[in-house]
């Protein structure tokens, strides 16, 4: 600040230009800090999106694996193995049938959604292979997409699992 004289008295203070420069510099510092904060927040959201996608897809695969592993028999697309289709019918030992298929972007079991609403499933394929002397083998493949909470970037991943029926 400068010392100015007015009526013989010294007046302490800052000029308007000094105040404007100080406010401008503080503004730039605040904008930089806020930008770093929001970038790190957005990175956390992306990690949450990927984690939610993976958890939903792995849960769906786990349910499918349990049903197929404990099945008496399976049919793909209504036909016997070997076959490839977008639906899988699992016959359990107590005579019950469970059909897995795609229903409006969700993996469904007899019409009930098992993939979680946070994820959209596409390109669902069940492939059954029968080999002499070993139990049937079912391969499940699908793509899963999740949009982050802000409706921005999408995260997509492909999943595949090979499941063997138990040999009783």
C-alpha atoms as a PDB file:
ATOM      1  CA  UNK A   1       0.000   0.000   0.000  1.00  0.00           C
ATOM      2  CA  UNK A   2       1.023   3.558  -0.500  1.00  0.00           C
ATOM      3  CA  UNK A   3       1.059   6.358   1.937  1.00  0.00           C
ATOM      4  CA  UNK A   4      -0.857   9.338   0.702  1.00  0.00           C
ATOM      5  CA  UNK A   5      -1.176  12.763   2.200  1.00  0.00           C
ATOM      6  CA  UNK A   6      -4.463  14.507   2.551  1.00  0.00           C
ATOM      7  CA  UNK A   7      -4.780  17.726   4.451  1.00  0.00           C
ATOM      8  CA  UNK A   8      -1.388  17.087   5.978  1.00  0.00           C
ATOM      9  CA  UNK A   9      -2.353  13.647   7.355  1.00  0.00           C
ATOM     10  CA  UNK A  10      -0.957  10.351   6.090  1.00  0.00           C
ATOM     11  CA  UNK A  11      -3.652   7.920   4.873  1.00  0.00           C
ATOM     12  CA  UNK A  12      -2.753   4.209   4.782  1.00  0.00           C
ATOM     13  CA  UNK A  13      -4.462   1.877   2.288  1.00  0.00           C
ATOM     14  CA  UNK A  14      -4.399   0.094  -1.017  1.00  0.00           C
ATOM     15  CA  UNK A  15      -5.097   1.536  -4.396  1.00  0.00           C
ATOM     16  CA  UNK A  16      -7.978   0.237  -6.457  1.00  0.00           C
ATOM     17  CA  UNK A  17      -5.509  -1.347  -8.899  1.00  0.00           C
ATOM     18  CA  UNK A  18      -3.740  -3.288  -6.109  1.00  0.00           C
ATOM     19  CA  UNK A  19      -7.087  -4.607  -4.841  1.00  0.00           C
ATOM     20  CA  UNK A  20      -8.177  -5.678  -8.329  1.00  0.00           C
ATOM     21  CA  UNK A  21      -4.906  -7.560  -8.970  1.00  0.00           C
ATOM     22  CA  UNK A  22      -5.179  -9.344  -5.597  1.00  0.00           C
ATOM     23  CA  UNK A  23      -8.796 -10.372  -6.190  1.00  0.00           C
ATOM     24  CA  UNK A  24      -7.890 -11.599  -9.692  1.00  0.00           C
ATOM     25  CA  UNK A  25      -5.023 -13.752  -8.418  1.00  0.00           C
ATOM     26  CA  UNK A  26      -7.176 -15.191  -5.604  1.00  0.00           C
ATOM     27  CA  UNK A  27      -9.926 -15.941  -8.140  1.00  0.00           C
ATOM     28  CA  UNK A  28      -7.502 -17.868 -10.373  1.00  0.00           C
ATOM     29  CA  UNK A  29      -6.222 -19.881  -7.401  1.00  0.00           C
ATOM     30  CA  UNK A  30      -9.768 -20.767  -6.308  1.00  0.00           C
ATOM     31  CA  UNK A  31     -10.769 -21.814  -9.854  1.00  0.00           C
ATOM     32  CA  UNK A  32      -7.674 -24.057 -10.088  1.00  0.00           C
ATOM     33  CA  UNK A  33      -8.395 -25.726  -6.737  1.00  0.00           C
ATOM     34  CA  UNK A  34     -12.072 -26.256  -7.621  1.00  0.00           C
ATOM     35  CA  UNK A  35     -11.091 -27.779 -10.981  1.00  0.00           C
ATOM     36  CA  UNK A  36      -8.768 -30.270  -9.266  1.00  0.00           C
ATOM     37  CA  UNK A  37     -11.502 -31.135  -6.760  1.00  0.00           C
ATOM     38  CA  UNK A  38     -14.108 -31.825  -9.456  1.00  0.00           C
ATOM     39  CA  UNK A  39     -11.648 -33.860 -11.547  1.00  0.00           C
ATOM     40  CA  UNK A  40     -10.898 -36.099  -8.572  1.00  0.00           C
ATOM     41  CA  UNK A  41     -14.631 -36.383  -7.792  1.00  0.00           C
ATOM     42  CA  UNK A  42     -15.357 -37.394 -11.391  1.00  0.00           C
ATOM     43  CA  UNK A  43     -12.591 -40.020 -11.188  1.00  0.00           C
ATOM     44  CA  UNK A  44     -14.258 -41.500  -8.112  1.00  0.00           C
ATOM     45  CA  UNK A  45     -17.585 -41.644  -9.927  1.00  0.00           C
ATOM     46  CA  UNK A  46     -15.968 -43.516 -12.828  1.00  0.00           C
ATOM     47  CA  UNK A  47     -14.474 -46.038 -10.401  1.00  0.00           C
ATOM     48  CA  UNK A  48     -17.900 -46.488  -8.763  1.00  0.00           C
ATOM     49  CA  UNK A  49     -19.480 -47.018 -12.178  1.00  0.00           C
ATOM     50  CA  UNK A  50     -16.943 -49.707 -13.094  1.00  0.00           C
ATOM     51  CA  UNK A  51     -17.339 -51.391  -9.704  1.00  0.00           C
ATOM     52  CA  UNK A  52     -21.161 -51.431  -9.960  1.00  0.00           C
ATOM     53  CA  UNK A  53     -20.982 -52.815 -13.490  1.00  0.00           C
ATOM     54  CA  UNK A  54     -18.618 -55.595 -12.470  1.00  0.00           C
ATOM     55  CA  UNK A  55     -20.559 -56.492  -9.315  1.00  0.00           C
ATOM     56  CA  UNK A  56     -23.848 -56.782 -11.225  1.00  0.00           C
ATOM     57  CA  UNK A  57     -22.309 -58.852 -14.021  1.00  0.00           C
ATOM     58  CA  UNK A  58     -20.451 -61.165 -11.623  1.00  0.00           C
ATOM     59  CA  UNK A  59     -23.613 -61.650  -9.529  1.00  0.00           C
ATOM     60  CA  UNK A  60     -25.548 -62.634 -12.657  1.00  0.00           C
ATOM     61  CA  UNK A  61     -22.835 -65.095 -13.677  1.00  0.00           C
ATOM     62  CA  UNK A  62     -22.758 -66.547 -10.160  1.00  0.00           C
ATOM     63  CA  UNK A  63     -26.519 -67.218 -10.228  1.00  0.00           C
ATOM     64  CA  UNK A  64     -26.266 -68.806 -13.671  1.00  0.00           C
ATOM     65  CA  UNK A  65     -23.293 -70.946 -12.604  1.00  0.00           C
ATOM     66  CA  UNK A  66     -25.136 -72.255  -9.548  1.00  0.00           C
ATOM     67  CA  UNK A  67     -28.228 -73.213 -11.569  1.00  0.00           C
ATOM     68  CA  UNK A  68     -26.263 -74.857 -14.389  1.00  0.00           C
ATOM     69  CA  UNK A  69     -23.829 -76.703 -12.132  1.00  0.00           C
ATOM     70  CA  UNK A  70     -26.681 -78.234 -10.124  1.00  0.00           C
ATOM     71  CA  UNK A  71     -28.897 -79.013 -13.144  1.00  0.00           C
ATOM     72  CA  UNK A  72     -30.075 -82.428 -14.173  1.00  0.00           C
ATOM     73  CA  UNK A  73     -30.029 -81.225 -17.781  1.00  0.00           C
ATOM     74  CA  UNK A  74     -29.941 -78.057 -19.874  1.00  0.00           C
ATOM     75  CA  UNK A  75     -31.333 -77.088 -23.241  1.00  0.00           C
ATOM     76  CA  UNK A  76     -30.289 -74.092 -25.289  1.00  0.00           C
ATOM     77  CA  UNK A  77     -32.957 -72.348 -27.330  1.00  0.00           C
ATOM     78  CA  UNK A  78     -35.361 -75.204 -26.600  1.00  0.00           C
ATOM     79  CA  UNK A  79     -33.021 -77.732 -28.228  1.00  0.00           C
ATOM     80  CA  UNK A  80     -30.605 -80.313 -26.934  1.00  0.00           C
ATOM     81  CA  UNK A  81     -26.824 -79.886 -26.843  1.00  0.00           C
ATOM     82  CA  UNK A  82     -24.890 -78.991 -28.920  1.00  0.00           C
ATOM     83  CA  UNK A  83     -26.608 -75.666 -29.588  1.00  0.00           C
ATOM     84  CA  UNK A  84     -26.232 -71.894 -29.414  1.00  0.00           C
ATOM     85  CA  UNK A  85     -29.040 -69.478 -28.523  1.00  0.00           C
ATOM     86  CA  UNK A  86     -30.050 -66.425 -26.487  1.00  0.00           C
ATOM     87  CA  UNK A  87     -32.060 -68.523 -24.000  1.00  0.00           C
ATOM     88  CA  UNK A  88     -31.134 -71.352 -21.654  1.00  0.00           C
ATOM     89  CA  UNK A  89     -33.544 -73.766 -19.953  1.00  0.00           C
ATOM     90  CA  UNK A  90     -32.258 -75.497 -16.833  1.00  0.00           C
ATOM     91  CA  UNK A  91     -34.039 -78.643 -15.612  1.00  0.00           C
ATOM     92  CA  UNK A  92     -33.424 -79.208 -11.902  1.00  0.00           C
ATOM     93  CA  UNK A  93     -33.465 -82.565 -10.120  1.00  0.00           C
ATOM     94  CA  UNK A  94     -36.863 -81.806  -8.573  1.00  0.00           C
ATOM     95  CA  UNK A  95     -38.437 -81.405 -12.036  1.00  0.00           C
ATOM     96  CA  UNK A  96     -38.575 -77.607 -12.111  1.00  0.00           C
ATOM     97  CA  UNK A  97     -37.598 -75.636 -15.212  1.00  0.00           C
ATOM     98  CA  UNK A  98     -35.884 -72.279 -15.115  1.00  0.00           C
ATOM     99  CA  UNK A  99     -35.493 -70.267 -18.320  1.00  0.00           C
ATOM    100  CA  UNK A 100     -32.746 -67.640 -18.523  1.00  0.00           C
ATOM    101  CA  UNK A 101     -33.058 -65.024 -21.260  1.00  0.00           C
ATOM    102  CA  UNK A 102     -32.736 -61.346 -22.064  1.00  0.00           C
ATOM    103  CA  UNK A 103     -35.748 -59.208 -21.085  1.00  0.00           C
ATOM    104  CA  UNK A 104     -35.591 -55.482 -22.011  1.00  0.00           C
ATOM    105  CA  UNK A 105     -31.824 -55.284 -21.520  1.00  0.00           C
ATOM    106  CA  UNK A 106     -31.889 -57.309 -18.293  1.00  0.00           C
ATOM    107  CA  UNK A 107     -30.891 -60.898 -17.651  1.00  0.00           C
ATOM    108  CA  UNK A 108     -34.052 -62.621 -16.436  1.00  0.00           C
ATOM    109  CA  UNK A 109     -34.908 -65.948 -14.828  1.00  0.00           C
ATOM    110  CA  UNK A 110     -38.483 -66.993 -15.694  1.00  0.00           C
ATOM    111  CA  UNK A 111     -39.184 -63.285 -16.253  1.00  0.00           C
ATOM    112  CA  UNK A 112     -37.673 -62.074 -12.945  1.00  0.00           C
ATOM    113  CA  UNK A 113     -34.684 -59.732 -13.405  1.00  0.00           C
ATOM    114  CA  UNK A 114     -31.430 -61.053 -11.925  1.00  0.00           C
ATOM    115  CA  UNK A 115     -28.887 -58.680 -13.464  1.00  0.00           C
ATOM    116  CA  UNK A 116     -29.777 -55.562 -11.485  1.00  0.00           C
ATOM    117  CA  UNK A 117     -31.388 -52.459 -12.951  1.00  0.00           C
ATOM    118  CA  UNK A 118     -28.148 -50.460 -12.862  1.00  0.00           C
ATOM    119  CA  UNK A 119     -26.751 -52.417 -15.806  1.00  0.00           C
ATOM    120  CA  UNK A 120     -27.990 -53.029 -19.358  1.00  0.00           C
ATOM    121  CA  UNK A 121     -27.132 -56.451 -20.798  1.00  0.00           C
ATOM    122  CA  UNK A 122     -26.784 -57.091 -24.542  1.00  0.00           C
ATOM    123  CA  UNK A 123     -25.510 -59.764 -26.929  1.00  0.00           C
ATOM    124  CA  UNK A 124     -26.442 -62.606 -24.563  1.00  0.00           C
ATOM    125  CA  UNK A 125     -25.340 -65.998 -25.929  1.00  0.00           C
ATOM    126  CA  UNK A 126     -25.595 -69.451 -24.375  1.00  0.00           C
ATOM    127  CA  UNK A 127     -23.591 -72.201 -26.029  1.00  0.00           C
ATOM    128  CA  UNK A 128     -23.896 -75.825 -24.971  1.00  0.00           C
ATOM    129  CA  UNK A 129     -21.276 -78.422 -25.875  1.00  0.00           C
ATOM    130  CA  UNK A 130     -21.613 -82.168 -25.340  1.00  0.00           C
ATOM    131  CA  UNK A 131     -18.552 -84.423 -25.363  1.00  0.00           C
ATOM    132  CA  UNK A 132     -18.362 -88.171 -24.916  1.00  0.00           C
ATOM    133  CA  UNK A 133     -17.858 -89.242 -21.318  1.00  0.00           C
ATOM    134  CA  UNK A 134     -17.998 -85.789 -19.661  1.00  0.00           C
ATOM    135  CA  UNK A 135     -20.945 -83.649 -18.472  1.00  0.00           C
ATOM    136  CA  UNK A 136     -22.419 -80.995 -20.753  1.00  0.00           C
ATOM    137  CA  UNK A 137     -20.599 -77.670 -20.784  1.00  0.00           C
ATOM    138  CA  UNK A 138     -22.394 -74.325 -21.080  1.00  0.00           C
ATOM    139  CA  UNK A 139     -20.608 -71.124 -22.095  1.00  0.00           C
ATOM    140  CA  UNK A 140     -22.329 -67.836 -21.219  1.00  0.00           C
ATOM    141  CA  UNK A 141     -21.289 -64.607 -22.974  1.00  0.00           C
ATOM    142  CA  UNK A 142     -22.732 -61.103 -22.733  1.00  0.00           C
ATOM    143  CA  UNK A 143     -21.876 -57.412 -22.819  1.00  0.00           C
ATOM    144  CA  UNK A 144     -22.844 -55.146 -19.946  1.00  0.00           C
ATOM    145  CA  UNK A 145     -23.142 -51.346 -19.998  1.00  0.00           C
ATOM    146  CA  UNK A 146     -23.542 -48.913 -17.111  1.00  0.00           C
ATOM    147  CA  UNK A 147     -24.023 -45.157 -17.415  1.00  0.00           C
ATOM    148  CA  UNK A 148     -22.465 -43.135 -14.591  1.00  0.00           C
ATOM    149  CA  UNK A 149     -24.692 -41.378 -12.062  1.00  0.00           C
ATOM    150  CA  UNK A 150     -24.485 -38.028 -13.864  1.00  0.00           C
ATOM    151  CA  UNK A 151     -25.803 -39.597 -17.067  1.00  0.00           C
ATOM    152  CA  UNK A 152     -22.439 -39.016 -18.714  1.00  0.00           C
ATOM    153  CA  UNK A 153     -19.853 -41.569 -19.742  1.00  0.00           C
ATOM    154  CA  UNK A 154     -20.786 -45.180 -20.280  1.00  0.00           C
ATOM    155  CA  UNK A 155     -18.689 -48.070 -19.063  1.00  0.00           C
ATOM    156  CA  UNK A 156     -18.917 -51.279 -21.054  1.00  0.00           C
ATOM    157  CA  UNK A 157     -17.383 -54.695 -20.478  1.00  0.00           C
ATOM    158  CA  UNK A 158     -17.703 -58.202 -21.905  1.00  0.00           C
ATOM    159  CA  UNK A 159     -18.172 -61.243 -19.707  1.00  0.00           C
ATOM    160  CA  UNK A 160     -17.792 -64.951 -20.354  1.00  0.00           C
ATOM    161  CA  UNK A 161     -18.019 -68.012 -18.144  1.00  0.00           C
ATOM    162  CA  UNK A 162     -17.673 -71.702 -18.957  1.00  0.00           C
ATOM    163  CA  UNK A 163     -19.811 -73.888 -16.661  1.00  0.00           C
ATOM    164  CA  UNK A 164     -19.769 -77.681 -16.393  1.00  0.00           C
ATOM    165  CA  UNK A 165     -22.789 -79.617 -15.215  1.00  0.00           C
ATOM    166  CA  UNK A 166     -21.947 -81.865 -12.296  1.00  0.00           C
ATOM    167  CA  UNK A 167     -21.537 -85.501 -13.198  1.00  0.00           C
ATOM    168  CA  UNK A 168     -23.890 -87.473 -10.924  1.00  0.00           C
END
